[in-house]
Amino acid sequence: MKRSIVRWRHRARLACEAGMTTAEYAVGTLAACTFAIVLLAVVKSGGIKSGLSDVILEALGIR
């Protein structure tokens, strides 16, 4: 009897920690979107944009 209670408690504890909840998904999605917006703003800035263009053109052998 005692062994089955220990197994049940162990399974219940694992089930409670089995993955992210809806709130965690929401926070993770919000963080990913915020990071994407910041990254997009950085990439669209003048210096970075011209630097990336130079690298791509150099790789393609156009310059």
PDB file of N, CA and C in Angstrom:
ATOM      1  N   MET A   1       0.825  -1.202   0.000  1.00  0.00           N
ATOM      2  CA  MET A   1       0.000   0.000   0.000  1.00  0.00           C
ATOM      3  C   MET A   1       0.857   1.248   0.000  1.00  0.00           C
ATOM      4  N   LYS A   2       1.876   1.253   0.809  1.00  0.00           N
ATOM      5  CA  LYS A   2       2.723   2.423   0.932  1.00  0.00           C
ATOM      6  C   LYS A   2       3.468   2.709  -0.378  1.00  0.00           C
ATOM      7  N   ARG A   3       3.894   1.655  -1.058  1.00  0.00           N
ATOM      8  CA  ARG A   3       4.634   1.803  -2.308  1.00  0.00           C
ATOM      9  C   ARG A   3       3.762   2.467  -3.381  1.00  0.00           C
ATOM     10  N   SER A   4       2.482   2.128  -3.436  1.00  0.00           N
ATOM     11  CA  SER A   4       1.599   2.721  -4.438  1.00  0.00           C
ATOM     12  C   SER A   4       1.364   4.204  -4.169  1.00  0.00           C
ATOM     13  N   ILE A   5       1.332   4.607  -2.903  1.00  0.00           N
ATOM     14  CA  ILE A   5       1.177   6.033  -2.576  1.00  0.00           C
ATOM     15  C   ILE A   5       2.407   6.814  -3.008  1.00  0.00           C
ATOM     16  N   VAL A   6       3.574   6.253  -2.795  1.00  0.00           N
ATOM     17  CA  VAL A   6       4.812   6.917  -3.212  1.00  0.00           C
ATOM     18  C   VAL A   6       4.842   7.069  -4.722  1.00  0.00           C
ATOM     19  N   ARG A   7       4.455   6.028  -5.446  1.00  0.00           N
ATOM     20  CA  ARG A   7       4.410   6.111  -6.914  1.00  0.00           C
ATOM     21  C   ARG A   7       3.421   7.169  -7.382  1.00  0.00           C
ATOM     22  N   TRP A   8       2.245   7.223  -6.742  1.00  0.00           N
ATOM     23  CA  TRP A   8       1.223   8.200  -7.118  1.00  0.00           C
ATOM     24  C   TRP A   8       1.736   9.616  -6.901  1.00  0.00           C
ATOM     25  N   ARG A   9       2.397   9.866  -5.773  1.00  0.00           N
ATOM     26  CA  ARG A   9       2.933  11.200  -5.491  1.00  0.00           C
ATOM     27  C   ARG A   9       3.999  11.577  -6.518  1.00  0.00           C
ATOM     28  N   HIS A  10       4.832  10.613  -6.857  1.00  0.00           N
ATOM     29  CA  HIS A  10       5.890  10.881  -7.836  1.00  0.00           C
ATOM     30  C   HIS A  10       5.281  11.212  -9.197  1.00  0.00           C
ATOM     31  N   ARG A  11       4.303  10.458  -9.629  1.00  0.00           N
ATOM     32  CA  ARG A  11       3.643  10.727 -10.919  1.00  0.00           C
ATOM     33  C   ARG A  11       2.917  12.061 -10.902  1.00  0.00           C
ATOM     34  N   ALA A  12       2.265  12.389  -9.795  1.00  0.00           N
ATOM     35  CA  ALA A  12       1.550  13.657  -9.688  1.00  0.00           C
ATOM     36  C   ALA A  12       2.518  14.824  -9.764  1.00  0.00           C
ATOM     37  N   ARG A  13       3.662  14.702  -9.123  1.00  0.00           N
ATOM     38  CA  ARG A  13       4.656  15.771  -9.156  1.00  0.00           C
ATOM     39  C   ARG A  13       5.207  15.946 -10.570  1.00  0.00           C
ATOM     40  N   LEU A  14       5.476  14.855 -11.269  1.00  0.00           N
ATOM     41  CA  LEU A  14       5.964  14.944 -12.640  1.00  0.00           C
ATOM     42  C   LEU A  14       4.913  15.553 -13.565  1.00  0.00           C
ATOM     43  N   ALA A  15       3.653  15.224 -13.354  1.00  0.00           N
ATOM     44  CA  ALA A  15       2.582  15.759 -14.189  1.00  0.00           C
ATOM     45  C   ALA A  15       2.438  17.265 -13.983  1.00  0.00           C
ATOM     46  N   CYS A  16       2.661  17.745 -12.783  1.00  0.00           N
ATOM     47  CA  CYS A  16       2.548  19.175 -12.503  1.00  0.00           C
ATOM     48  C   CYS A  16       3.670  19.968 -13.173  1.00  0.00           C
ATOM     49  N   GLU A  17       4.797  19.341 -13.395  1.00  0.00           N
ATOM     50  CA  GLU A  17       5.946  20.023 -13.977  1.00  0.00           C
ATOM     51  C   GLU A  17       6.207  19.537 -15.404  1.00  0.00           C
ATOM     52  N   ALA A  18       5.183  19.094 -16.102  1.00  0.00           N
ATOM     53  CA  ALA A  18       5.366  18.427 -17.383  1.00  0.00           C
ATOM     54  C   ALA A  18       5.509  19.369 -18.566  1.00  0.00           C
ATOM     55  N   GLY A  19       5.413  20.663 -18.400  1.00  0.00           N
ATOM     56  CA  GLY A  19       5.562  21.567 -19.526  1.00  0.00           C
ATOM     57  C   GLY A  19       5.164  22.977 -19.164  1.00  0.00           C
ATOM     58  N   MET A  20       5.227  23.827 -20.163  1.00  0.00           N
ATOM     59  CA  MET A  20       4.886  25.220 -19.915  1.00  0.00           C
ATOM     60  C   MET A  20       3.377  25.403 -19.868  1.00  0.00           C
ATOM     61  N   THR A  21       2.955  26.326 -19.050  1.00  0.00           N
ATOM     62  CA  THR A  21       1.536  26.654 -18.970  1.00  0.00           C
ATOM     63  C   THR A  21       1.220  27.741 -19.977  1.00  0.00           C
ATOM     64  N   THR A  22      -0.021  28.077 -20.096  1.00  0.00           N
ATOM     65  CA  THR A  22      -0.445  29.099 -21.043  1.00  0.00           C
ATOM     66  C   THR A  22       0.206  30.435 -20.733  1.00  0.00           C
ATOM     67  N   ALA A  23       0.315  30.791 -19.472  1.00  0.00           N
ATOM     68  CA  ALA A  23       0.942  32.058 -19.094  1.00  0.00           C
ATOM     69  C   ALA A  23       2.415  32.082 -19.492  1.00  0.00           C
ATOM     70  N   GLU A  24       3.099  30.955 -19.326  1.00  0.00           N
ATOM     71  CA  GLU A  24       4.506  30.897 -19.727  1.00  0.00           C
ATOM     72  C   GLU A  24       4.651  31.011 -21.236  1.00  0.00           C
ATOM     73  N   TYR A  25       3.747  30.404 -21.980  1.00  0.00           N
ATOM     74  CA  TYR A  25       3.778  30.555 -23.431  1.00  0.00           C
ATOM     75  C   TYR A  25       3.549  32.013 -23.824  1.00  0.00           C
ATOM     76  N   ALA A  26       2.624  32.681 -23.153  1.00  0.00           N
ATOM     77  CA  ALA A  26       2.333  34.077 -23.460  1.00  0.00           C
ATOM     78  C   ALA A  26       3.549  34.955 -23.195  1.00  0.00           C
ATOM     79  N   VAL A  27       4.207  34.757 -22.078  1.00  0.00           N
ATOM     80  CA  VAL A  27       5.395  35.552 -21.751  1.00  0.00           C
ATOM     81  C   VAL A  27       6.521  35.245 -22.731  1.00  0.00           C
ATOM     82  N   GLY A  28       6.707  33.989 -23.068  1.00  0.00           N
ATOM     83  CA  GLY A  28       7.744  33.617 -24.031  1.00  0.00           C
ATOM     84  C   GLY A  28       7.486  34.195 -25.408  1.00  0.00           C
ATOM     85  N   THR A  29       6.235  34.173 -25.843  1.00  0.00           N
ATOM     86  CA  THR A  29       5.876  34.747 -27.141  1.00  0.00           C
ATOM     87  C   THR A  29       6.081  36.256 -27.150  1.00  0.00           C
ATOM     88  N   LEU A  30       5.697  36.917 -26.069  1.00  0.00           N
ATOM     89  CA  LEU A  30       5.899  38.357 -25.960  1.00  0.00           C
ATOM     90  C   LEU A  30       7.383  38.708 -25.988  1.00  0.00           C
ATOM     91  N   ALA A  31       8.193  37.938 -25.292  1.00  0.00           N
ATOM     92  CA  ALA A  31       9.637  38.185 -25.291  1.00  0.00           C
ATOM     93  C   ALA A  31      10.233  37.973 -26.685  1.00  0.00           C
ATOM     94  N   ALA A  32       9.801  36.942 -27.378  1.00  0.00           N
ATOM     95  CA  ALA A  32      10.310  36.674 -28.726  1.00  0.00           C
ATOM     96  C   ALA A  32       9.912  37.782 -29.696  1.00  0.00           C
ATOM     97  N   CYS A  33       8.688  38.261 -29.586  1.00  0.00           N
ATOM     98  CA  CYS A  33       8.238  39.354 -30.457  1.00  0.00           C
ATOM     99  C   CYS A  33       8.993  40.644 -30.170  1.00  0.00           C
ATOM    100  N   THR A  34       9.229  40.922 -28.905  1.00  0.00           N
ATOM    101  CA  THR A  34       9.993  42.115 -28.533  1.00  0.00           C
ATOM    102  C   THR A  34      11.410  42.032 -29.074  1.00  0.00           C
ATOM    103  N   PHE A  35      12.033  40.876 -28.933  1.00  0.00           N
ATOM    104  CA  PHE A  35      13.382  40.689 -29.465  1.00  0.00           C
ATOM    105  C   PHE A  35      13.399  40.859 -30.981  1.00  0.00           C
ATOM    106  N   ALA A  36      12.391  40.343 -31.663  1.00  0.00           N
ATOM    107  CA  ALA A  36      12.317  40.476 -33.127  1.00  0.00           C
ATOM    108  C   ALA A  36      12.171  41.932 -33.542  1.00  0.00           C
ATOM    109  N   ILE A  37      11.382  42.704 -32.817  1.00  0.00           N
ATOM    110  CA  ILE A  37      11.197  44.122 -33.138  1.00  0.00           C
ATOM    111  C   ILE A  37      12.504  44.880 -32.946  1.00  0.00           C
ATOM    112  N   VAL A  38      13.194  44.610 -31.852  1.00  0.00           N
ATOM    113  CA  VAL A  38      14.479  45.286 -31.599  1.00  0.00           C
ATOM    114  C   VAL A  38      15.490  44.892 -32.666  1.00  0.00           C
ATOM    115  N   LEU A  39      15.553  43.627 -32.999  1.00  0.00           N
ATOM    116  CA  LEU A  39      16.491  43.164 -34.022  1.00  0.00           C
ATOM    117  C   LEU A  39      16.179  43.789 -35.373  1.00  0.00           C
ATOM    118  N   LEU A  40      14.916  43.889 -35.713  1.00  0.00           N
ATOM    119  CA  LEU A  40      14.515  44.513 -36.971  1.00  0.00           C
ATOM    120  C   LEU A  40      14.912  45.985 -37.003  1.00  0.00           C
ATOM    121  N   ALA A  41      14.734  46.690 -35.898  1.00  0.00           N
ATOM    122  CA  ALA A  41      15.123  48.104 -35.833  1.00  0.00           C
ATOM    123  C   ALA A  41      16.627  48.263 -35.999  1.00  0.00           C
ATOM    124  N   VAL A  42      17.392  47.366 -35.404  1.00  0.00           N
ATOM    125  CA  VAL A  42      18.858  47.442 -35.524  1.00  0.00           C
ATOM    126  C   VAL A  42      19.287  47.159 -36.954  1.00  0.00           C
ATOM    127  N   VAL A  43      18.699  46.143 -37.566  1.00  0.00           N
ATOM    128  CA  VAL A  43      19.096  45.768 -38.932  1.00  0.00           C
ATOM    129  C   VAL A  43      18.701  46.844 -39.931  1.00  0.00           C
ATOM    130  N   LYS A  44      17.603  47.548 -39.690  1.00  0.00           N
ATOM    131  CA  LYS A  44      17.161  48.588 -40.615  1.00  0.00           C
ATOM    132  C   LYS A  44      17.902  49.912 -40.427  1.00  0.00           C
ATOM    133  N   SER A  45      18.736  50.037 -39.392  1.00  0.00           N
ATOM    134  CA  SER A  45      19.478  51.277 -39.197  1.00  0.00           C
ATOM    135  C   SER A  45      20.505  51.444 -40.318  1.00  0.00           C
ATOM    136  N   GLY A  46      20.877  52.669 -40.579  1.00  0.00           N
ATOM    137  CA  GLY A  46      21.716  52.985 -41.727  1.00  0.00           C
ATOM    138  C   GLY A  46      23.038  52.247 -41.784  1.00  0.00           C
ATOM    139  N   GLY A  47      23.809  52.295 -40.708  1.00  0.00           N
ATOM    140  CA  GLY A  47      25.134  51.671 -40.710  1.00  0.00           C
ATOM    141  C   GLY A  47      25.088  50.173 -40.885  1.00  0.00           C
ATOM    142  N   ILE A  48      24.217  49.539 -40.200  1.00  0.00           N
ATOM    143  CA  ILE A  48      24.091  48.078 -40.292  1.00  0.00           C
ATOM    144  C   ILE A  48      23.591  47.680 -41.671  1.00  0.00           C
ATOM    145  N   LYS A  49      22.623  48.438 -42.184  1.00  0.00           N
ATOM    146  CA  LYS A  49      22.050  48.115 -43.496  1.00  0.00           C
ATOM    147  C   LYS A  49      23.103  48.194 -44.593  1.00  0.00           C
ATOM    148  N   SER A  50      23.911  49.254 -44.583  1.00  0.00           N
ATOM    149  CA  SER A  50      24.947  49.377 -45.617  1.00  0.00           C
ATOM    150  C   SER A  50      26.037  48.329 -45.418  1.00  0.00           C
ATOM    151  N   GLY A  51      26.346  48.007 -44.154  1.00  0.00           N
ATOM    152  CA  GLY A  51      27.346  46.981 -43.893  1.00  0.00           C
ATOM    153  C   GLY A  51      26.899  45.614 -44.388  1.00  0.00           C
ATOM    154  N   LEU A  52      25.642  45.275 -44.142  1.00  0.00           N
ATOM    155  CA  LEU A  52      25.119  43.999 -44.630  1.00  0.00           C
ATOM    156  C   LEU A  52      25.081  43.964 -46.156  1.00  0.00           C
ATOM    157  N   SER A  53      24.713  45.080 -46.762  1.00  0.00           N
ATOM    158  CA  SER A  53      24.698  45.142 -48.227  1.00  0.00           C
ATOM    159  C   SER A  53      26.094  44.927 -48.785  1.00  0.00           C
ATOM    160  N   ASP A  54      27.094  45.550 -48.155  1.00  0.00           N
ATOM    161  CA  ASP A  54      28.480  45.371 -48.601  1.00  0.00           C
ATOM    162  C   ASP A  54      28.925  43.914 -48.487  1.00  0.00           C
ATOM    163  N   VAL A  55      28.576  43.281 -47.385  1.00  0.00           N
ATOM    164  CA  VAL A  55      28.958  41.878 -47.190  1.00  0.00           C
ATOM    165  C   VAL A  55      28.299  40.987 -48.235  1.00  0.00           C
ATOM    166  N   ILE A  56      27.023  41.206 -48.495  1.00  0.00           N
ATOM    167  CA  ILE A  56      26.298  40.384 -49.473  1.00  0.00           C
ATOM    168  C   ILE A  56      26.843  40.608 -50.883  1.00  0.00           C
ATOM    169  N   LEU A  57      27.067  41.862 -51.234  1.00  0.00           N
ATOM    170  CA  LEU A  57      27.608  42.156 -52.566  1.00  0.00           C
ATOM    171  C   LEU A  57      29.011  41.587 -52.740  1.00  0.00           C
ATOM    172  N   GLU A  58      29.815  41.660 -51.700  1.00  0.00           N
ATOM    173  CA  GLU A  58      31.161  41.086 -51.743  1.00  0.00           C
ATOM    174  C   GLU A  58      31.107  39.572 -51.911  1.00  0.00           C
ATOM    175  N   ALA A  59      30.174  38.923 -51.200  1.00  0.00           N
ATOM    176  CA  ALA A  59      30.040  37.470 -51.294  1.00  0.00           C
ATOM    177  C   ALA A  59      29.579  37.038 -52.680  1.00  0.00           C
ATOM    178  N   LEU A  60      28.752  37.859 -53.299  1.00  0.00           N
ATOM    179  CA  LEU A  60      28.249  37.528 -54.642  1.00  0.00           C
ATOM    180  C   LEU A  60      29.250  37.917 -55.728  1.00  0.00           C
ATOM    181  N   GLY A  61      30.321  38.634 -55.363  1.00  0.00           N
ATOM    182  CA  GLY A  61      31.353  39.019 -56.310  1.00  0.00           C
ATOM    183  C   GLY A  61      30.950  40.189 -57.182  1.00  0.00           C
ATOM    184  N   ILE A  62      29.979  40.978 -56.764  1.00  0.00           N
ATOM    185  CA  ILE A  62      29.529  42.114 -57.544  1.00  0.00           C
ATOM    186  C   ILE A  62      30.472  43.307 -57.360  1.00  0.00           C
ATOM    187  N   ARG A  63      31.097  43.409 -56.230  1.00  0.00           N
ATOM    188  CA  ARG A  63      32.037  44.504 -55.978  1.00  0.00           C
ATOM    189  C   ARG A  63      33.441  44.024 -56.071  1.00  0.00           C
TER     190      ARG A  63
END
